[in-house]
Every structure is written in C-alpha cells, then in structure tokens.
Amino acid sequence: MSRPNEEEPQVIRVRIPQGKEVLGIVQQRLGGSRMRVLCLDGKERICRIPGSLRRALWVRENDVVIIQPWELGGDEKGDVVYKYRGKAEVDFLRKRGYLKNLEEEF
C-alpha cells in the first residue's frame, strides 16, 4: 500500500537515434519549416520538418531533436524526425552520454 506523499519512479520511454539518424540542438529558426541545427557529429545542417509532421511537430530554439540527414547533400541538409518533449527525456540522454559532444554549446 503506497502513501500519497511517496513518489514512485516513473518509467519513461526515450527514443534513441537509429541507423543514420543524428541528435541535434536547434540553433535558429529560419522561417517556414526550416531551421539551423547543430548536430552531434559536429556539423551544422539546415533542416526542415517534413510535410507529414509539419502540423504535429512544434519546434523552438534549444530543443533537442533527431535529424535524418539527406542522401544527397547530407552534410548540409536534413529532416527533423523527432523532438524530445520533456526535461526528463533530455536528462536521460545526458545521463547516458548521448549529448556529450553538445554539452559545450548547450
């Protein structure tokens, strides 16, 4: 029997980049659905929100996102695939060491 004051640890599922996906932090909104993102691999890409996610995904500066680099011009451009929605998810990534290269800029 749990008491009302006690907090039980909440289980959260955090999406981790898979395949060619890269973590990044939104540096600047450029208008439309485009933004400048500093990626975990050290490259700065101009990224867009694809049409299927355009209405569902609201991104601001300093948000942590997952980027899918383009096949052609992958060093300069990419698509925003996922946005981390809470401080708990970002803290989880930081504890696991996924955001080590971005710590200096963050």
Protein backbone atom coordinates (compact mmCIF):
# COMPACT_ATOMS: atom_id res chain seq x y z
CA MET A 1 0.00 0.00 0.00
CA SER A 2 1.56 3.29 -1.06
CA ARG A 3 1.22 6.52 0.81
CA PRO A 4 0.06 9.64 -1.05
CA ASN A 5 3.31 11.53 -0.23
CA GLU A 6 5.60 8.88 -1.71
CA GLU A 7 6.60 9.27 -5.30
CA GLU A 8 7.03 6.17 -7.35
CA PRO A 9 9.70 6.37 -10.05
CA GLN A 10 8.02 6.90 -13.41
CA VAL A 11 9.06 4.75 -16.31
CA ILE A 12 9.64 6.75 -19.48
CA ARG A 13 10.41 5.51 -22.96
CA VAL A 14 13.01 7.57 -24.76
CA ARG A 15 13.56 7.25 -28.48
CA ILE A 16 17.23 6.79 -29.38
CA PRO A 17 18.64 7.58 -32.85
CA GLN A 18 18.84 4.52 -35.09
CA GLY A 19 20.74 3.93 -38.31
CA LYS A 20 21.86 7.19 -39.90
CA GLU A 21 19.85 9.39 -37.53
CA VAL A 22 21.75 12.01 -35.51
CA LEU A 23 20.92 14.00 -32.38
CA GLY A 24 20.98 17.79 -32.64
CA ILE A 25 20.02 21.05 -30.97
CA VAL A 26 18.00 23.69 -32.81
CA GLN A 27 20.16 26.83 -33.02
CA GLN A 28 17.91 29.17 -35.00
CA ARG A 29 14.52 29.20 -36.71
CA LEU A 30 14.82 30.38 -40.31
CA GLY A 31 11.15 30.66 -41.27
CA GLY A 32 8.71 28.30 -42.87
CA SER A 33 9.54 24.85 -41.61
CA ARG A 34 13.32 25.34 -41.81
CA MET A 35 15.83 25.73 -39.01
CA ARG A 36 19.59 25.64 -38.35
CA VAL A 37 20.54 22.61 -36.24
CA LEU A 38 23.89 21.84 -34.58
CA CYS A 39 24.25 18.06 -34.87
CA LEU A 40 26.05 15.61 -32.61
CA ASP A 41 28.57 14.77 -35.37
CA GLY A 42 29.84 18.38 -35.27
CA LYS A 43 28.12 19.53 -38.47
CA GLU A 44 25.64 22.36 -38.73
CA ARG A 45 22.72 21.50 -41.00
CA ILE A 46 19.76 23.37 -42.43
CA CYS A 47 16.86 21.09 -41.54
CA ARG A 48 13.19 21.08 -42.37
CA ILE A 49 10.12 19.49 -40.88
CA PRO A 50 8.69 17.05 -43.44
CA GLY A 51 5.09 17.50 -44.59
CA SER A 52 3.70 14.57 -42.62
CA LEU A 53 4.93 16.10 -39.33
CA ARG A 54 4.50 19.79 -40.15
CA ARG A 55 1.28 20.30 -38.18
CA ALA A 56 2.10 17.89 -35.36
CA LEU A 57 5.67 18.98 -34.54
CA TRP A 58 6.30 22.41 -33.00
CA VAL A 59 10.00 23.13 -32.60
CA ARG A 60 11.67 26.06 -30.81
CA GLU A 61 15.27 27.13 -30.34
CA ASN A 62 17.35 24.96 -27.96
CA ASP A 63 15.06 21.94 -28.44
CA VAL A 64 16.81 18.56 -28.72
CA VAL A 65 15.75 16.76 -31.92
CA ILE A 66 16.61 13.73 -34.03
CA ILE A 67 17.80 14.54 -37.56
CA GLN A 68 17.72 12.28 -40.61
CA PRO A 69 20.48 13.59 -42.96
CA TRP A 70 19.58 13.69 -46.64
CA GLU A 71 21.06 11.13 -49.03
CA LEU A 72 22.31 13.91 -51.32
CA GLY A 73 23.91 16.84 -49.52
CA GLY A 74 23.74 15.05 -46.15
CA ASP A 75 26.46 17.26 -44.66
CA GLU A 76 24.38 20.41 -45.17
CA LYS A 77 20.71 19.36 -45.05
CA GLY A 78 18.36 17.03 -43.21
CA ASP A 79 14.86 16.37 -41.91
CA VAL A 80 13.65 16.70 -38.31
CA VAL A 81 12.21 13.29 -37.44
CA TYR A 82 11.52 13.58 -33.70
CA LYS A 83 11.54 16.17 -30.91
CA TYR A 84 12.26 15.29 -27.27
CA ARG A 85 9.29 16.57 -25.33
CA GLY A 86 10.41 16.95 -21.77
CA LYS A 87 13.20 17.68 -19.39
CA ALA A 88 13.11 14.05 -18.20
CA GLU A 89 13.89 12.75 -21.71
CA VAL A 90 16.77 15.20 -22.20
CA ASP A 91 18.17 14.35 -18.74
CA PHE A 92 18.01 10.66 -19.63
CA LEU A 93 20.06 11.32 -22.79
CA ARG A 94 22.56 13.40 -20.83
CA LYS A 95 22.99 10.70 -18.16
CA ARG A 96 23.54 8.01 -20.79
CA GLY A 97 26.19 10.13 -22.53
CA TYR A 98 24.35 10.76 -25.81
CA LEU A 99 24.73 14.55 -25.51
CA LYS A 100 28.44 14.62 -24.57
CA ASN A 101 29.61 16.44 -27.73
CA LEU A 102 26.84 19.03 -27.43
CA GLU A 103 27.43 19.82 -23.74
CA GLU A 104 29.76 22.73 -24.52
CA GLU A 105 27.19 24.53 -26.69
CA PHE A 106 24.15 23.67 -24.60
